[in-house]
Protein backbone atom coordinates (compact mmCIF):
# COMPACT_ATOMS: atom_id res chain seq x y z
CA MET A 1 -6.25 20.62 -61.11
CA SER A 2 -8.83 18.00 -60.17
CA THR A 3 -8.68 14.36 -61.16
CA THR A 4 -11.70 14.83 -63.42
CA SER A 5 -10.02 17.73 -65.23
CA LEU A 6 -6.80 15.76 -65.59
CA ASN A 7 -8.69 12.77 -67.01
CA ALA A 8 -10.53 14.98 -69.50
CA GLU A 9 -7.31 16.65 -70.64
CA LEU A 10 -5.52 13.30 -70.92
CA PHE A 11 -8.25 11.80 -73.10
CA ARG A 12 -8.43 14.97 -75.22
CA GLU A 13 -4.68 14.73 -75.89
CA LEU A 14 -4.96 11.00 -76.59
CA SER A 15 -7.60 11.69 -79.22
CA TYR A 16 -5.02 13.68 -81.23
CA ILE A 17 -2.69 10.67 -81.59
CA ALA A 18 -5.26 7.86 -81.57
CA ASP A 19 -4.87 7.26 -85.33
CA ASN A 20 -1.08 7.05 -85.19
CA GLU A 21 -0.10 3.50 -84.24
CA ASN A 22 3.57 4.36 -83.69
CA SER A 23 2.70 7.18 -81.25
CA MET A 24 0.23 4.96 -79.41
CA ARG A 25 2.88 2.23 -79.01
CA LYS A 26 5.37 4.77 -77.61
CA LEU A 27 2.74 6.11 -75.24
CA LEU A 28 1.78 2.62 -74.06
CA LYS A 29 5.44 1.77 -73.44
CA TYR A 30 5.88 4.99 -71.44
CA VAL A 31 2.71 4.41 -69.38
CA LYS A 32 3.81 0.87 -68.53
CA LYS A 33 7.21 2.20 -67.46
CA LEU A 34 5.53 4.87 -65.32
CA VAL A 35 3.27 2.29 -63.65
CA SER A 36 6.25 0.05 -62.97
CA GLN A 37 8.16 2.95 -61.37
CA GLN A 38 5.19 3.85 -59.20
CA GLN A 39 4.77 0.26 -58.03
CA GLU A 40 8.48 0.08 -57.18
CA GLU A 41 8.26 3.33 -55.18
CA GLU A 42 5.24 2.01 -53.27
CA ARG A 43 7.03 -1.27 -52.60
CA GLN A 44 10.07 0.57 -51.25
CA ALA A 45 7.90 2.88 -49.14
CA THR A 46 6.17 -0.07 -47.45
CA PRO A 47 7.46 -0.24 -43.89
CA VAL A 48 9.41 -3.37 -43.08
CA VAL A 49 8.84 -5.03 -39.73
CA ALA A 50 11.89 -4.70 -37.54
CA GLU A 51 13.77 -7.89 -36.85
CA ASP A 52 13.70 -7.32 -33.10
CA THR A 53 9.88 -7.25 -33.03
CA GLU A 54 8.43 -9.95 -30.84
CA GLU A 55 6.77 -12.81 -32.63
CA TYR A 56 3.02 -13.16 -32.10
CA ARG A 57 2.01 -15.57 -29.38
CA PRO A 58 -1.59 -16.25 -28.36
CA LEU A 59 -2.63 -15.46 -24.80
CA THR A 60 -2.57 -18.29 -22.32
CA LYS A 61 -5.79 -19.28 -20.60
CA ALA A 62 -4.60 -17.62 -17.37
CA GLU A 63 -3.76 -14.36 -19.19
CA LEU A 64 -7.13 -14.34 -20.92
CA ILE A 65 -9.00 -14.92 -17.65
CA ALA A 66 -6.98 -12.18 -15.94
CA ASP A 67 -7.83 -9.74 -18.75
CA LEU A 68 -11.53 -10.64 -18.55
CA ASN A 69 -11.53 -10.20 -14.76
CA GLU A 70 -9.90 -6.78 -15.14
CA MET A 71 -12.52 -5.75 -17.71
CA CYS A 72 -15.36 -6.91 -15.44
CA GLU A 73 -13.91 -4.89 -12.54
CA GLU A 74 -13.69 -1.80 -14.76
CA VAL A 75 -17.31 -2.24 -15.85
CA LYS A 76 -18.42 -2.52 -12.20
CA LEU A 77 -16.52 0.66 -11.30
CA ILE A 78 -17.95 2.55 -14.27
CA ARG A 79 -21.50 1.48 -13.38
CA ALA A 80 -20.91 2.53 -9.76
CA GLY A 81 -19.70 5.93 -11.00
CA LYS A 82 -16.24 5.47 -9.50
CA LEU A 83 -14.48 5.36 -12.86
CA LYS A 84 -15.06 7.31 -16.06
CA GLY A 85 -15.53 5.17 -19.16
CA GLN A 86 -13.52 5.65 -22.32
CA THR A 87 -15.16 7.66 -25.12
CA TRP A 88 -15.64 6.17 -28.56
CA GLU A 89 -13.16 8.70 -30.01
CA ASP A 90 -10.49 7.74 -27.46
CA PHE A 91 -11.10 4.06 -28.19
CA LYS A 92 -10.74 4.58 -31.97
CA HIS A 93 -7.58 6.62 -31.44
CA GLU A 94 -6.13 3.86 -29.27
CA LEU A 95 -6.84 1.25 -31.96
CA HIS A 96 -4.98 3.24 -34.62
CA ARG A 97 -1.75 3.61 -32.62
């Protein structure tokens, strides 16, 4: 069943009890409980960073220069036809690892 169909059915059912304040209060209490449970499940499902993960440290000037030199060499080799460049798809896949 699609979301649109579910929404339509939900609102149709709500219209039957809309005039009954007691039923609406019970429904509101249940919906709040359901939302709270869902938020708790999402919170528990959130991956926790392992304690043995290295702490972020910015690159040193020497490391940055070495990386830039390596990139320049790769560009020269690609332009000379001695090295195949990375495709956009491969690059995106690498970013999402």
